[in-house]
Structure formats: structure tokens, C-alpha cells
């Protein structure tokens, strides 16, 4: 009687059951995860991008600005201002960009631009009115300068750690990568699920 009942089992049910049994015997792990190549970045390159580019681009922008001013060349002054702002605002974080820490680079660059804007705005107000700095303006320039300096020095000293963090990778990247095959069996469904772990 048991054999008769089995013979009337729908084909798809028997196939699904067989699939589940085979998967259970094989196991849920398809195979060992492929060995990952170590993630490395050059400390020297990171330092050059973070420190060297700040000095080169920022210094070049300042030089171009003052050259244009001495020659009464508005275009040179404008180019020098843009180049200098890029060098002082973005360049200190280029080492972190190299290490793929884009969020850090974006935030620190924005804060540096904010600090420079506060200082420049205070200085421009006194210059436009052809007067000496007021106490509040002097404080704004001081705070802007201190803020820019602190953010830049932090970026420079953090470059080596950024390289180390890249080499170690985030916690999930230090775990095993691989494919896992798990049997799936519900009331109406038989089969398998392929899961990628990373």
C-alpha cells in the first residue's frame, strides 16, 4: 500500500524531494572561498597626495594670485584664487581619497572651505569699507585660521592610519568571501538558494 501511494506522488514533488536530499548530502558550502589578494596602498604616495599636493597646489595658487596682482592681471588673480582654494581646501584630504575614504575627504574639505570662508568674509568686509578690523572680525579670522590648521594637520597625521585602515579593510572584508548553497523546502516549494557572502 505504501508503494502504491508513492507511485501516485506527482513528479514535481518527487523531483523536489530528491533535490533537497541531494543538496543535504552534498552540504551547504559549495567550496572554499577563493583567496583574496592583500589590499595595499603606498604610504609614500598617500603622503605626497595629502601633503605634497597641498604645498604645491596651494603655494602655486598663492604665487599666481600675487603675480597677477603685481601685474594688475585680473584673470591671473582669479585663477590663483581658484587654484589656491583647491589646494587649501581639498588637497589635504587627497591622501584619504587615495585610500578610498571618500566620506572623510568630503567632510573635512567642506569644513576647511567653511573655515576659509569665515576668515575671508571677515577680512573682505574690512577691506571693502577701507577700515581696520573690528574685534568680531579679528576673532572670525582667528577662528577660521585655527579651524583650517587643525583640520589640515589632523588629515596629514592621519594619512599613515588611513593606509593601514585600507590594508585591513572594513570588518566584513576581513571575513571569508564565498558562495553558499542552502536547501529550500516549504509546503509548496522545493529547491535551493544560492547565497553570496561578502
N, C-alpha and C. Protein backbone atom coordinates (compact mmCIF):
# COMPACT_ATOMS: atom_id res chain seq x y z
N UNK A 1 0.83 -1.21 0.00
CA UNK A 1 0.00 0.00 0.00
C UNK A 1 0.87 1.26 0.00
N UNK A 2 1.97 1.19 0.79
CA UNK A 2 2.88 2.34 0.82
C UNK A 2 3.47 2.59 -0.54
N UNK A 3 3.81 1.48 -1.27
CA UNK A 3 4.40 1.65 -2.59
C UNK A 3 3.40 2.27 -3.54
N UNK A 4 2.11 1.86 -3.38
CA UNK A 4 1.10 2.40 -4.27
C UNK A 4 0.93 3.89 -4.09
N UNK A 5 0.94 4.35 -2.87
CA UNK A 5 0.82 5.77 -2.62
C UNK A 5 1.99 6.53 -3.22
N UNK A 6 3.18 5.97 -3.09
CA UNK A 6 4.37 6.65 -3.61
C UNK A 6 4.31 6.77 -5.12
N UNK A 7 3.72 5.72 -5.77
CA UNK A 7 3.69 5.74 -7.23
C UNK A 7 2.77 6.83 -7.76
N UNK A 8 1.78 7.26 -6.95
CA UNK A 8 0.88 8.29 -7.39
C UNK A 8 1.34 9.69 -6.99
N UNK A 9 2.54 9.81 -6.36
CA UNK A 9 3.05 11.13 -5.98
C UNK A 9 3.40 11.91 -7.25
N UNK A 10 2.95 13.14 -7.38
CA UNK A 10 3.26 13.93 -8.58
C UNK A 10 4.76 14.00 -8.84
N UNK A 11 5.11 14.05 -10.11
CA UNK A 11 6.52 14.04 -10.49
C UNK A 11 7.29 15.21 -9.87
N UNK A 12 6.67 16.42 -9.88
CA UNK A 12 7.40 17.59 -9.39
C UNK A 12 7.69 17.47 -7.90
N UNK A 13 6.80 16.78 -7.16
CA UNK A 13 7.05 16.58 -5.72
C UNK A 13 8.23 15.64 -5.50
N UNK A 14 8.24 14.54 -6.29
CA UNK A 14 9.36 13.60 -6.14
C UNK A 14 10.68 14.26 -6.54
N UNK A 15 10.65 15.08 -7.59
CA UNK A 15 11.86 15.75 -8.02
C UNK A 15 12.34 16.75 -6.97
N UNK A 16 11.40 17.48 -6.40
CA UNK A 16 11.76 18.45 -5.38
C UNK A 16 12.33 17.77 -4.15
N UNK A 17 11.74 16.66 -3.74
CA UNK A 17 12.25 15.93 -2.58
C UNK A 17 13.64 15.40 -2.86
N UNK A 18 13.85 14.85 -4.05
CA UNK A 18 15.16 14.32 -4.42
C UNK A 18 16.20 15.44 -4.43
N UNK A 19 15.81 16.61 -4.95
CA UNK A 19 16.74 17.74 -4.98
C UNK A 19 17.16 18.14 -3.58
N UNK A 20 16.20 18.18 -2.67
CA UNK A 20 16.50 18.57 -1.29
C UNK A 20 17.43 17.57 -0.63
N UNK A 21 17.16 16.26 -0.85
CA UNK A 21 18.01 15.23 -0.25
C UNK A 21 19.43 15.31 -0.78
N UNK A 22 19.57 15.50 -2.10
CA UNK A 22 20.89 15.58 -2.70
C UNK A 22 21.65 16.79 -2.15
N UNK A 23 20.97 17.92 -2.04
CA UNK A 23 21.63 19.12 -1.51
C UNK A 23 22.06 18.91 -0.07
N UNK A 24 21.23 18.22 0.70
CA UNK A 24 21.58 17.96 2.09
C UNK A 24 22.81 17.06 2.19
N UNK A 25 22.91 16.08 1.27
CA UNK A 25 24.07 15.20 1.29
C UNK A 25 25.34 15.91 0.85
N UNK A 26 25.19 16.78 -0.16
CA UNK A 26 26.37 17.48 -0.67
C UNK A 26 26.88 18.48 0.36
N UNK A 27 25.96 19.15 1.05
CA UNK A 27 26.34 20.16 2.02
C UNK A 27 25.99 21.54 1.50
N UNK A 28 26.02 22.46 2.38
CA UNK A 28 25.60 23.82 2.02
C UNK A 28 26.74 24.68 1.53
N UNK A 29 27.96 24.27 1.66
CA UNK A 29 29.09 25.07 1.21
C UNK A 29 29.62 24.51 -0.09
N UNK A 30 29.55 25.32 -1.14
CA UNK A 30 29.97 24.84 -2.46
C UNK A 30 31.45 24.52 -2.48
N UNK A 31 32.24 25.33 -1.84
CA UNK A 31 33.68 25.10 -1.85
C UNK A 31 34.38 26.19 -1.07
N UNK A 32 35.65 26.03 -0.84
CA UNK A 32 36.39 27.05 -0.10
C UNK A 32 36.41 28.36 -0.86
N UNK A 33 36.32 29.44 -0.10
CA UNK A 33 36.35 30.76 -0.74
C UNK A 33 37.71 31.00 -1.37
N UNK A 34 37.67 31.68 -2.48
CA UNK A 34 38.92 31.98 -3.17
C UNK A 34 39.77 32.92 -2.34
N UNK A 35 41.04 32.67 -2.34
CA UNK A 35 41.96 33.51 -1.57
C UNK A 35 41.97 34.92 -2.15
N UNK A 36 41.86 35.90 -1.27
CA UNK A 36 41.83 37.28 -1.70
C UNK A 36 43.23 37.89 -1.65
N UNK A 37 43.55 38.64 -2.67
CA UNK A 37 44.84 39.31 -2.68
C UNK A 37 44.85 40.41 -1.63
N UNK A 38 45.97 40.62 -0.95
CA UNK A 38 46.01 41.65 0.09
C UNK A 38 45.77 43.03 -0.50
N UNK A 39 45.02 43.84 0.23
CA UNK A 39 44.74 45.20 -0.17
C UNK A 39 45.87 46.08 0.32
N UNK A 40 46.55 46.74 -0.58
CA UNK A 40 47.69 47.57 -0.18
C UNK A 40 47.63 48.92 -0.88
N UNK A 41 48.14 49.92 -0.20
CA UNK A 41 48.33 51.25 -0.75
C UNK A 41 49.70 51.73 -0.30
N UNK A 42 50.30 52.61 -1.10
CA UNK A 42 51.62 53.13 -0.80
C UNK A 42 51.53 54.30 0.17
N UNK A 43 52.26 54.18 1.28
CA UNK A 43 52.29 55.28 2.25
C UNK A 43 52.92 56.52 1.62
N UNK A 44 53.98 56.32 0.84
CA UNK A 44 54.64 57.45 0.20
C UNK A 44 53.72 58.20 -0.75
N UNK A 45 52.96 57.46 -1.53
CA UNK A 45 52.02 58.09 -2.46
C UNK A 45 50.94 58.84 -1.69
N UNK A 46 50.42 58.23 -0.63
CA UNK A 46 49.38 58.88 0.17
C UNK A 46 49.90 60.17 0.80
N UNK A 47 51.14 60.13 1.30
CA UNK A 47 51.71 61.34 1.90
C UNK A 47 51.91 62.42 0.85
N UNK A 48 52.38 62.04 -0.32
CA UNK A 48 52.60 63.04 -1.37
C UNK A 48 51.28 63.68 -1.77
N UNK A 49 50.23 62.86 -1.95
CA UNK A 49 48.95 63.40 -2.35
C UNK A 49 48.35 64.31 -1.28
N UNK A 50 48.52 63.92 -0.01
CA UNK A 50 47.93 64.72 1.06
C UNK A 50 48.73 65.95 1.43
N UNK A 51 50.05 65.79 1.54
CA UNK A 51 50.91 66.89 1.99
C UNK A 51 51.51 67.63 0.81
N UNK A 52 52.10 66.87 -0.11
CA UNK A 52 52.76 67.49 -1.25
C UNK A 52 51.82 68.30 -2.11
N UNK A 53 50.64 67.76 -2.40
CA UNK A 53 49.71 68.49 -3.25
C UNK A 53 49.20 69.76 -2.58
N UNK A 54 49.09 69.74 -1.26
CA UNK A 54 48.67 70.95 -0.55
C UNK A 54 49.70 72.05 -0.74
N UNK A 55 50.96 71.71 -0.55
CA UNK A 55 52.02 72.70 -0.68
C UNK A 55 52.19 73.16 -2.12
N UNK A 56 52.11 72.21 -3.05
CA UNK A 56 52.34 72.57 -4.46
C UNK A 56 51.16 73.35 -5.02
N UNK A 57 49.96 72.81 -4.87
CA UNK A 57 48.79 73.47 -5.46
C UNK A 57 48.45 74.75 -4.71
N UNK A 58 48.45 74.67 -3.37
CA UNK A 58 48.15 75.87 -2.59
C UNK A 58 49.18 76.95 -2.79
N UNK A 59 50.46 76.55 -2.76
CA UNK A 59 51.53 77.53 -2.98
C UNK A 59 51.52 78.09 -4.38
N UNK A 60 51.24 77.21 -5.36
CA UNK A 60 51.16 77.68 -6.74
C UNK A 60 50.03 78.67 -6.94
N UNK A 61 48.89 78.40 -6.31
CA UNK A 61 47.77 79.31 -6.41
C UNK A 61 48.08 80.67 -5.79
N UNK A 62 48.71 80.65 -4.61
CA UNK A 62 49.07 81.91 -3.96
C UNK A 62 50.06 82.69 -4.81
N UNK A 63 51.04 81.99 -5.37
CA UNK A 63 52.03 82.66 -6.21
C UNK A 63 51.40 83.28 -7.45
N UNK A 64 50.48 82.54 -8.06
CA UNK A 64 49.80 83.06 -9.25
C UNK A 64 48.94 84.27 -8.90
N UNK A 65 48.31 84.23 -7.76
CA UNK A 65 47.47 85.36 -7.35
C UNK A 65 48.30 86.63 -7.17
N UNK A 66 49.40 86.50 -6.43
CA UNK A 66 50.22 87.69 -6.16
C UNK A 66 50.94 88.17 -7.43
N UNK A 67 51.26 87.23 -8.31
CA UNK A 67 51.83 87.64 -9.59
C UNK A 67 50.82 88.46 -10.38
N UNK A 68 49.58 87.95 -10.44
CA UNK A 68 48.54 88.68 -11.15
C UNK A 68 48.27 90.03 -10.52
N UNK A 69 48.35 90.09 -9.21
CA UNK A 69 48.13 91.37 -8.54
C UNK A 69 49.22 92.36 -8.86
N UNK A 70 50.46 91.89 -8.91
CA UNK A 70 51.57 92.80 -9.22
C UNK A 70 51.51 93.29 -10.66
N UNK A 71 50.93 92.46 -11.54
CA UNK A 71 50.82 92.82 -12.95
C UNK A 71 49.46 93.43 -13.30
N UNK A 72 48.64 93.60 -12.27
CA UNK A 72 47.28 94.12 -12.47
C UNK A 72 46.52 93.27 -13.49
N UNK A 73 46.66 91.95 -13.32
CA UNK A 73 46.03 90.98 -14.23
C UNK A 73 44.91 90.28 -13.47
N UNK A 74 43.67 90.66 -13.77
CA UNK A 74 42.53 90.10 -13.04
C UNK A 74 42.36 88.61 -13.30
N UNK A 75 42.64 88.18 -14.52
CA UNK A 75 42.48 86.75 -14.85
C UNK A 75 43.45 85.89 -14.05
N UNK A 76 44.69 86.33 -13.94
CA UNK A 76 45.67 85.59 -13.16
C UNK A 76 45.28 85.55 -11.69
N UNK A 77 44.76 86.64 -11.19
CA UNK A 77 44.32 86.66 -9.79
C UNK A 77 43.16 85.68 -9.56
N UNK A 78 42.23 85.66 -10.51
CA UNK A 78 41.09 84.75 -10.37
C UNK A 78 41.54 83.30 -10.43
N UNK A 79 42.42 82.98 -11.36
CA UNK A 79 42.93 81.61 -11.46
C UNK A 79 43.71 81.24 -10.22
N UNK A 80 44.50 82.18 -9.71
CA UNK A 80 45.26 81.91 -8.49
C UNK A 80 44.35 81.68 -7.30
N UNK A 81 43.25 82.42 -7.23
CA UNK A 81 42.30 82.24 -6.13
C UNK A 81 41.66 80.85 -6.18
N UNK A 82 41.24 80.44 -7.37
CA UNK A 82 40.61 79.12 -7.51
C UNK A 82 41.60 78.01 -7.20
N UNK A 83 42.81 78.13 -7.75
CA UNK A 83 43.84 77.11 -7.53
C UNK A 83 44.24 77.05 -6.06
N UNK A 84 44.39 78.22 -5.45
CA UNK A 84 44.75 78.25 -4.03
C UNK A 84 43.66 77.67 -3.15
N UNK A 85 42.40 77.98 -3.48
CA UNK A 85 41.30 77.44 -2.69
C UNK A 85 41.25 75.92 -2.80
N UNK A 86 41.48 75.40 -4.01
CA UNK A 86 41.50 73.94 -4.18
C UNK A 86 42.64 73.32 -3.40
N UNK A 87 43.81 73.98 -3.46
CA UNK A 87 44.96 73.45 -2.75
C UNK A 87 44.79 73.46 -1.24
N UNK A 88 44.16 74.51 -0.72
CA UNK A 88 44.00 74.62 0.73
C UNK A 88 42.75 73.90 1.23
N UNK A 89 41.75 73.76 0.37
CA UNK A 89 40.51 73.14 0.82
C UNK A 89 40.45 71.65 0.59
N UNK A 90 40.82 71.21 -0.61
CA UNK A 90 40.65 69.80 -0.99
C UNK A 90 41.93 68.99 -0.85
N UNK A 91 43.05 69.57 -1.25
CA UNK A 91 44.30 68.82 -1.34
C UNK A 91 44.72 68.11 -0.05
N UNK A 92 44.53 68.71 1.14
CA UNK A 92 44.96 67.99 2.35
C UNK A 92 44.29 66.64 2.54
N UNK A 93 43.14 66.43 1.93
CA UNK A 93 42.42 65.15 2.07
C UNK A 93 42.67 64.20 0.91
N UNK A 94 43.55 64.55 -0.02
CA UNK A 94 43.76 63.69 -1.17
C UNK A 94 44.38 62.35 -0.80
N UNK A 95 45.14 62.31 0.29
CA UNK A 95 45.65 61.03 0.76
C UNK A 95 44.53 60.09 1.17
N UNK A 96 43.47 60.65 1.75
CA UNK A 96 42.32 59.83 2.14
C UNK A 96 41.50 59.42 0.92
N UNK A 97 41.44 60.29 -0.08
CA UNK A 97 40.78 59.90 -1.33
C UNK A 97 41.52 58.71 -1.94
N UNK A 98 42.84 58.76 -1.91
CA UNK A 98 43.66 57.67 -2.43
C UNK A 98 43.37 56.37 -1.70
N UNK A 99 43.08 56.47 -0.40
CA UNK A 99 42.75 55.29 0.41
C UNK A 99 41.26 54.98 0.40
N UNK A 100 40.52 55.64 -0.48
CA UNK A 100 39.10 55.38 -0.70
C UNK A 100 38.24 55.74 0.51
N UNK A 101 38.69 56.70 1.30
CA UNK A 101 37.88 57.22 2.41
C UNK A 101 37.21 58.51 1.93
N UNK A 102 36.27 58.34 1.03
CA UNK A 102 35.67 59.48 0.35
C UNK A 102 34.82 60.34 1.29
N UNK A 103 34.11 59.72 2.19
CA UNK A 103 33.27 60.48 3.10
C UNK A 103 34.12 61.38 3.99
N UNK A 104 35.21 60.83 4.51
CA UNK A 104 36.13 61.63 5.33
C UNK A 104 36.65 62.81 4.53
N UNK A 105 37.10 62.55 3.32
CA UNK A 105 37.67 63.62 2.49
C UNK A 105 36.63 64.70 2.20
N UNK A 106 35.40 64.29 1.92
CA UNK A 106 34.36 65.27 1.61
C UNK A 106 34.06 66.15 2.82
N UNK A 107 33.86 65.53 3.98
CA UNK A 107 33.51 66.29 5.17
C UNK A 107 34.63 67.24 5.59
N UNK A 108 35.86 66.76 5.60
CA UNK A 108 36.96 67.61 6.03
C UNK A 108 37.20 68.74 5.03
N UNK A 109 37.03 68.47 3.76
CA UNK A 109 37.18 69.52 2.75
C UNK A 109 36.10 70.59 2.93
N UNK A 110 34.87 70.17 3.18
CA UNK A 110 33.79 71.13 3.38
C UNK A 110 34.03 71.99 4.62
N UNK A 111 34.52 71.37 5.69
CA UNK A 111 34.80 72.14 6.90
C UNK A 111 35.96 73.12 6.68
N UNK A 112 36.93 72.72 5.89
CA UNK A 112 38.03 73.64 5.58
C UNK A 112 37.53 74.83 4.75
N UNK A 113 36.69 74.55 3.77
CA UNK A 113 36.11 75.64 2.98
C UNK A 113 35.29 76.58 3.87
N UNK A 114 34.57 76.00 4.82
CA UNK A 114 33.80 76.83 5.74
C UNK A 114 34.72 77.72 6.57
N UNK A 115 35.80 77.15 7.08
CA UNK A 115 36.74 77.94 7.88
C UNK A 115 37.37 79.05 7.05
N UNK A 116 37.76 78.71 5.82
CA UNK A 116 38.35 79.74 4.96
C UNK A 116 37.33 80.81 4.60
N UNK A 117 36.08 80.40 4.39
CA UNK A 117 35.05 81.37 4.06
C UNK A 117 34.79 82.34 5.19
N UNK A 118 34.78 81.84 6.41
CA UNK A 118 34.58 82.72 7.57
C UNK A 118 35.70 83.75 7.67
N UNK A 119 36.94 83.27 7.54
CA UNK A 119 38.08 84.19 7.63
C UNK A 119 38.10 85.18 6.47
N UNK A 120 37.87 84.69 5.26
CA UNK A 120 37.91 85.57 4.09
C UNK A 120 36.78 86.59 4.12
N UNK A 121 35.60 86.17 4.57
CA UNK A 121 34.47 87.10 4.65
C UNK A 121 34.73 88.23 5.62
N UNK A 122 35.33 87.89 6.77
CA UNK A 122 35.63 88.93 7.76
C UNK A 122 36.67 89.90 7.23
N UNK A 123 37.69 89.37 6.56
CA UNK A 123 38.73 90.26 6.03
C UNK A 123 38.20 91.12 4.89
N UNK A 124 37.34 90.54 4.05
CA UNK A 124 36.81 91.29 2.91
C UNK A 124 35.92 92.44 3.37
N UNK A 125 35.18 92.25 4.47
CA UNK A 125 34.32 93.31 4.96
C UNK A 125 35.10 94.54 5.36
N UNK A 126 36.21 94.35 6.04
CA UNK A 126 37.03 95.49 6.45
C UNK A 126 37.71 96.12 5.25
N UNK A 127 38.13 95.30 4.29
CA UNK A 127 38.82 95.84 3.12
C UNK A 127 37.88 96.68 2.27
N UNK A 128 36.64 96.21 2.08
CA UNK A 128 35.69 96.92 1.24
C UNK A 128 35.34 98.29 1.84
N UNK A 129 35.29 98.37 3.15
CA UNK A 129 34.95 99.62 3.80
C UNK A 129 36.19 100.45 4.14
N UNK A 130 37.35 99.92 3.76
CA UNK A 130 38.61 100.64 3.97
C UNK A 130 38.77 101.08 5.42
N UNK A 131 38.70 100.11 6.30
CA UNK A 131 38.83 100.39 7.73
C UNK A 131 39.59 99.25 8.39
N UNK A 132 39.93 99.46 9.63
CA UNK A 132 40.62 98.42 10.38
C UNK A 132 39.63 97.35 10.83
N UNK A 133 40.16 96.21 11.17
CA UNK A 133 39.30 95.10 11.58
C UNK A 133 38.62 95.39 12.91
N UNK A 134 37.37 95.01 12.98
CA UNK A 134 36.65 95.09 14.24
C UNK A 134 36.97 93.87 15.08
N UNK A 135 36.72 93.95 16.40
CA UNK A 135 37.04 92.79 17.26
C UNK A 135 36.37 91.50 16.78
N UNK A 136 35.12 91.57 16.38
CA UNK A 136 34.44 90.37 15.91
C UNK A 136 35.05 89.81 14.64
N UNK A 137 35.49 90.68 13.76
CA UNK A 137 36.12 90.24 12.52
C UNK A 137 37.48 89.60 12.78
N UNK A 138 38.21 90.20 13.69
CA UNK A 138 39.51 89.61 14.06
C UNK A 138 39.32 88.22 14.66
N UNK A 139 38.30 88.07 15.49
CA UNK A 139 38.02 86.76 16.09
C UNK A 139 37.61 85.75 15.01
N UNK A 140 36.82 86.21 14.04
CA UNK A 140 36.40 85.31 12.96
C UNK A 140 37.60 84.84 12.14
N UNK A 141 38.51 85.75 11.86
CA UNK A 141 39.71 85.38 11.10
C UNK A 141 40.55 84.40 11.91
N UNK A 142 40.67 84.66 13.21
CA UNK A 142 41.45 83.76 14.08
C UNK A 142 40.82 82.37 14.12
N UNK A 143 39.52 82.31 14.33
CA UNK A 143 38.84 81.02 14.41
C UNK A 143 38.92 80.27 13.08
N UNK A 144 38.76 81.01 11.98
CA UNK A 144 38.87 80.37 10.67
C UNK A 144 40.25 79.81 10.43
N UNK A 145 41.27 80.56 10.80
CA UNK A 145 42.65 80.08 10.63
C UNK A 145 42.96 78.89 11.50
N UNK A 146 42.51 78.94 12.75
CA UNK A 146 42.74 77.82 13.66
C UNK A 146 41.99 76.58 13.19
N UNK A 147 40.75 76.78 12.73
CA UNK A 147 39.97 75.64 12.24
C UNK A 147 40.62 74.99 11.04
N UNK A 148 41.06 75.80 10.07
CA UNK A 148 41.71 75.24 8.89
C UNK A 148 42.98 74.49 9.28
N UNK A 149 43.78 75.09 10.15
CA UNK A 149 45.04 74.47 10.56
C UNK A 149 44.80 73.14 11.27
N UNK A 150 43.83 73.12 12.17
CA UNK A 150 43.56 71.88 12.92
C UNK A 150 43.07 70.77 11.99
N UNK A 151 42.17 71.10 11.08
CA UNK A 151 41.66 70.10 10.15
C UNK A 151 42.75 69.57 9.24
N UNK A 152 43.62 70.46 8.78
CA UNK A 152 44.68 70.05 7.86
C UNK A 152 45.73 69.20 8.56
N UNK A 153 46.14 69.62 9.76
CA UNK A 153 47.14 68.85 10.50
C UNK A 153 46.60 67.46 10.84
N UNK A 154 45.33 67.40 11.21
CA UNK A 154 44.74 66.09 11.50
C UNK A 154 44.80 65.20 10.27
N UNK A 155 44.43 65.75 9.12
CA UNK A 155 44.48 64.95 7.89
C UNK A 155 45.88 64.45 7.61
N UNK A 156 46.86 65.31 7.78
CA UNK A 156 48.24 64.91 7.49
C UNK A 156 48.72 63.82 8.43
N UNK A 157 48.41 63.95 9.71
CA UNK A 157 48.86 62.95 10.67
C UNK A 157 48.07 61.65 10.55
N UNK A 158 46.91 61.70 9.95
CA UNK A 158 46.06 60.51 9.83
C UNK A 158 46.33 59.73 8.55
N UNK A 159 47.22 60.23 7.71
CA UNK A 159 47.47 59.57 6.42
C UNK A 159 47.97 58.14 6.60
N UNK A 160 48.96 57.95 7.47
CA UNK A 160 49.50 56.60 7.67
C UNK A 160 48.42 55.66 8.20
N UNK A 161 47.57 56.16 9.10
CA UNK A 161 46.50 55.32 9.62
C UNK A 161 45.47 55.01 8.53
N UNK A 162 45.26 55.95 7.60
CA UNK A 162 44.32 55.70 6.50
C UNK A 162 44.84 54.56 5.62
N UNK A 163 46.14 54.54 5.38
CA UNK A 163 46.73 53.44 4.60
C UNK A 163 46.56 52.12 5.35
N UNK A 164 46.78 52.15 6.66
CA UNK A 164 46.61 50.93 7.45
C UNK A 164 45.16 50.46 7.43
N UNK A 165 44.24 51.41 7.57
CA UNK A 165 42.82 51.03 7.54
C UNK A 165 42.44 50.42 6.20
N UNK A 166 42.98 50.97 5.13
CA UNK A 166 42.69 50.40 3.81
C UNK A 166 43.22 48.97 3.71
N UNK A 167 44.44 48.76 4.20
CA UNK A 167 45.04 47.43 4.11
C UNK A 167 44.26 46.41 4.93
N UNK A 168 43.77 46.82 6.09
CA UNK A 168 42.99 45.90 6.92
C UNK A 168 41.60 45.70 6.33
N UNK A 169 41.06 46.74 5.74
CA UNK A 169 39.72 46.67 5.20
C UNK A 169 38.68 46.76 6.29
N UNK A 170 37.43 47.07 5.93
CA UNK A 170 36.35 47.07 6.92
C UNK A 170 36.14 45.68 7.47
N UNK A 171 35.50 45.54 8.63
CA UNK A 171 35.36 44.22 9.27
C UNK A 171 34.78 43.15 8.36
N UNK A 172 33.80 43.48 7.53
CA UNK A 172 33.20 42.42 6.71
C UNK A 172 34.15 41.94 5.63
N UNK A 173 35.11 42.81 5.22
CA UNK A 173 36.06 42.38 4.20
C UNK A 173 37.16 41.50 4.77
N UNK A 174 37.29 41.50 6.09
CA UNK A 174 38.31 40.63 6.70
C UNK A 174 37.77 39.22 6.90
N UNK A 175 36.46 39.04 6.68
CA UNK A 175 35.86 37.72 6.81
C UNK A 175 35.99 36.96 5.49
N UNK A 176 35.59 35.73 5.53
CA UNK A 176 35.71 34.87 4.36
C UNK A 176 34.68 35.25 3.31
N UNK A 177 35.13 35.32 2.08
CA UNK A 177 34.22 35.52 0.96
C UNK A 177 33.84 34.16 0.40
N UNK A 178 32.67 34.02 -0.15
CA UNK A 178 32.34 32.75 -0.78
C UNK A 178 30.88 32.64 -1.16
N UNK A 179 30.56 31.52 -1.79
CA UNK A 179 29.19 31.21 -2.17
C UNK A 179 28.69 30.08 -1.28
N UNK A 180 27.44 30.20 -0.87
CA UNK A 180 26.84 29.14 -0.07
C UNK A 180 25.52 28.74 -0.71
N UNK A 181 25.33 27.43 -0.78
CA UNK A 181 24.12 26.88 -1.38
C UNK A 181 23.32 26.21 -0.27
N UNK A 182 22.10 26.71 -0.05
CA UNK A 182 21.28 26.18 1.03
C UNK A 182 20.00 25.59 0.47
N UNK A 183 19.58 24.44 0.99
CA UNK A 183 18.32 23.85 0.52
C UNK A 183 17.13 24.69 0.96
N UNK A 184 16.13 24.75 0.10
CA UNK A 184 14.91 25.49 0.39
C UNK A 184 13.73 24.53 0.30
N UNK A 185 12.99 24.40 1.38
CA UNK A 185 11.85 23.49 1.37
C UNK A 185 10.72 24.12 2.17
N UNK A 186 9.67 24.45 1.50
CA UNK A 186 8.46 24.94 2.16
C UNK A 186 7.32 24.00 1.83
N UNK A 187 6.11 24.38 2.18
CA UNK A 187 4.97 23.50 1.96
C UNK A 187 4.74 23.22 0.48
N UNK A 188 4.98 24.24 -0.36
CA UNK A 188 4.69 24.09 -1.79
C UNK A 188 5.92 24.19 -2.68
N UNK A 189 7.10 24.39 -2.09
CA UNK A 189 8.28 24.66 -2.91
C UNK A 189 9.45 23.80 -2.45
N UNK A 190 10.15 23.25 -3.42
CA UNK A 190 11.38 22.51 -3.16
C UNK A 190 12.46 23.10 -4.06
N UNK A 191 13.67 23.24 -3.56
CA UNK A 191 14.75 23.76 -4.39
C UNK A 191 15.95 24.16 -3.57
N UNK A 192 16.64 25.17 -4.04
CA UNK A 192 17.86 25.60 -3.36
C UNK A 192 17.99 27.12 -3.52
N UNK A 193 18.75 27.70 -2.59
CA UNK A 193 19.02 29.13 -2.60
C UNK A 193 20.53 29.34 -2.64
N UNK A 194 20.97 30.14 -3.60
CA UNK A 194 22.38 30.46 -3.70
C UNK A 194 22.61 31.79 -3.00
N UNK A 195 23.48 31.78 -1.98
CA UNK A 195 23.74 32.99 -1.19
C UNK A 195 25.19 33.40 -1.34
N UNK A 196 25.41 34.68 -1.63
CA UNK A 196 26.76 35.22 -1.75
C UNK A 196 27.12 35.91 -0.44
N UNK A 197 28.20 35.50 0.18
CA UNK A 197 28.64 36.11 1.43
C UNK A 197 29.89 36.94 1.18
N UNK A 198 29.83 38.19 1.59
CA UNK A 198 30.98 39.10 1.39
C UNK A 198 30.96 40.16 2.46
